[in-house]
Amino acid sequence: MATEVRAFERVLAALAEVQRSEAREYSSFSVRGKRFGYYWPRTRTVGLKQTISEQLALVSERPDVFEVQFTAGGFGWVVVYLDRIEADELAELVYEAWRLTAPEDLVAEVPFTRIARA
């Protein structure tokens, strides 16, 4: 059930205009200057932007896989444990985080079917 970091990175590579920034303990991911995700190698966790309703649903349904990270600007961020999630579900969540952040014209260029093949 564990998802390899390479699978996460393949999804990021399939998305358009993703910028990666490195900090001491984590990497962050943005599209056109707006952040949509984080990765912490030490804990093998990913933080992803979601709607607040999705954040609450994920955490309440599977608290062993997801936890609340924070809420900001009308969005709920979730922490995802890579060792406890399937790669296809993670791909959907990463795409959704990117889609919530990217401009509409960019989203139109990158359908989820392109990501599902990554």
Protein backbone atom coordinates (compact mmCIF):
# COMPACT_ATOMS: atom_id res chain seq x y z
CA MET A 1 0.00 0.00 0.00
CA ALA A 2 2.93 2.38 0.48
CA THR A 3 3.56 4.94 -2.22
CA GLU A 4 7.12 5.52 -3.31
CA VAL A 5 8.39 9.10 -3.44
CA ARG A 6 9.18 8.49 -7.13
CA ALA A 7 5.45 8.07 -7.83
CA PHE A 8 4.76 11.41 -6.16
CA GLU A 9 7.53 13.04 -8.22
CA ARG A 10 6.18 11.52 -11.47
CA VAL A 11 2.80 13.15 -10.83
CA LEU A 12 4.46 16.50 -10.16
CA ALA A 13 6.47 16.18 -13.38
CA ALA A 14 3.29 15.55 -15.39
CA LEU A 15 1.72 18.80 -14.17
CA ALA A 16 2.37 22.09 -15.94
CA GLU A 17 4.56 24.87 -14.55
CA VAL A 18 5.36 23.31 -11.18
CA GLN A 19 8.15 25.09 -9.34
CA ARG A 20 10.01 23.28 -6.57
CA SER A 21 11.65 25.18 -3.72
CA GLU A 22 14.00 23.57 -1.23
CA ALA A 23 14.10 24.46 2.44
CA ARG A 24 16.20 22.80 5.11
CA GLU A 25 13.66 20.15 6.10
CA TYR A 26 11.12 20.15 3.29
CA SER A 27 10.40 20.91 -0.36
CA SER A 28 7.47 23.04 -1.46
CA PHE A 29 5.63 23.05 -4.77
CA SER A 30 3.95 26.00 -6.48
CA VAL A 31 2.30 26.89 -9.75
CA ARG A 32 2.74 30.46 -10.99
CA GLY A 33 3.93 31.53 -7.56
CA LYS A 34 1.08 29.99 -5.57
CA ARG A 35 1.84 27.07 -3.27
CA PHE A 36 -0.13 23.83 -3.46
CA GLY A 37 2.05 21.23 -1.76
CA TYR A 38 4.93 20.24 0.51
CA TYR A 39 7.09 17.16 1.00
CA TRP A 40 8.95 16.24 4.22
CA PRO A 41 11.49 13.45 3.55
CA ARG A 42 12.18 12.76 7.24
CA THR A 43 8.55 11.82 7.93
CA ARG A 44 7.68 10.64 4.39
CA THR A 45 4.66 12.92 4.40
CA VAL A 46 3.12 15.26 1.87
CA GLY A 47 1.04 18.35 2.63
CA LEU A 48 -1.62 19.14 0.03
CA LYS A 49 -4.11 21.93 -0.53
CA GLN A 50 -7.74 20.74 -0.61
CA THR A 51 -11.17 22.24 -0.10
CA ILE A 52 -12.16 22.43 3.55
CA SER A 53 -14.94 19.89 3.01
CA GLU A 54 -12.49 17.46 1.39
CA GLN A 55 -9.98 18.01 4.20
CA LEU A 56 -12.61 17.15 6.81
CA ALA A 57 -13.87 14.13 4.86
CA LEU A 58 -10.40 12.66 4.35
CA VAL A 59 -9.35 13.12 7.97
CA SER A 60 -12.60 11.80 9.44
CA GLU A 61 -12.74 8.76 7.13
CA ARG A 62 -9.09 7.70 7.46
CA PRO A 63 -7.23 9.41 10.31
CA ASP A 64 -4.44 6.82 9.99
CA VAL A 65 -3.64 8.18 6.49
CA PHE A 66 -4.58 11.88 6.73
CA GLU A 67 -4.37 14.62 9.33
CA VAL A 68 -5.29 18.27 9.35
CA GLN A 69 -2.31 20.46 8.56
CA PHE A 70 -3.94 23.91 8.62
CA THR A 71 -6.65 26.02 7.01
CA ALA A 72 -5.97 29.24 5.14
CA GLY A 73 -7.72 31.34 2.53
CA GLY A 74 -10.78 29.09 2.43
CA PHE A 75 -8.73 25.94 1.88
CA GLY A 76 -7.97 23.01 4.16
CA TRP A 77 -4.52 21.49 3.91
CA VAL A 78 -3.98 17.82 4.73
CA VAL A 79 -0.93 15.82 5.69
CA VAL A 80 -0.74 12.53 3.78
CA TYR A 81 1.36 9.61 5.00
CA LEU A 82 3.00 8.08 1.91
CA ASP A 83 3.41 4.72 3.64
CA ARG A 84 -0.37 4.45 4.04
CA ILE A 85 -1.80 5.53 0.67
CA GLU A 86 -2.04 4.00 -2.80
CA ALA A 87 -0.26 5.80 -5.64
CA ASP A 88 -3.44 6.35 -7.69
CA GLU A 89 -5.24 8.02 -4.78
CA LEU A 90 -2.23 10.21 -4.10
CA ALA A 91 -2.16 11.21 -7.79
CA GLU A 92 -5.78 12.35 -7.55
CA LEU A 93 -5.07 14.43 -4.44
CA VAL A 94 -1.94 16.03 -5.93
CA TYR A 95 -3.84 16.87 -9.12
CA GLU A 96 -6.67 18.39 -7.09
CA ALA A 97 -4.22 20.51 -5.06
CA TRP A 98 -2.61 21.74 -8.27
CA ARG A 99 -6.02 22.31 -9.94
CA LEU A 100 -7.23 24.40 -6.99
CA THR A 101 -4.17 26.61 -7.41
CA ALA A 102 -3.43 26.84 -11.14
CA PRO A 103 -5.17 29.37 -13.42
CA GLU A 104 -8.11 27.99 -15.42
CA ASP A 105 -6.28 28.19 -18.77
CA LEU A 106 -3.48 26.02 -17.43
CA VAL A 107 -5.90 23.52 -15.89
CA ALA A 108 -7.62 23.21 -19.29
CA GLU A 109 -4.28 22.17 -20.81
CA VAL A 110 -3.67 19.37 -18.28
CA PRO A 111 -6.60 16.98 -17.85
CA PHE A 112 -6.43 14.39 -15.09
CA THR A 113 -6.17 11.63 -17.70
CA ARG A 114 -2.67 12.90 -18.47
CA ILE A 115 -1.74 12.57 -14.81
CA ALA A 116 -3.31 9.14 -14.44
CA ARG A 117 -0.91 7.84 -17.08
CA ALA A 118 2.15 9.30 -15.31
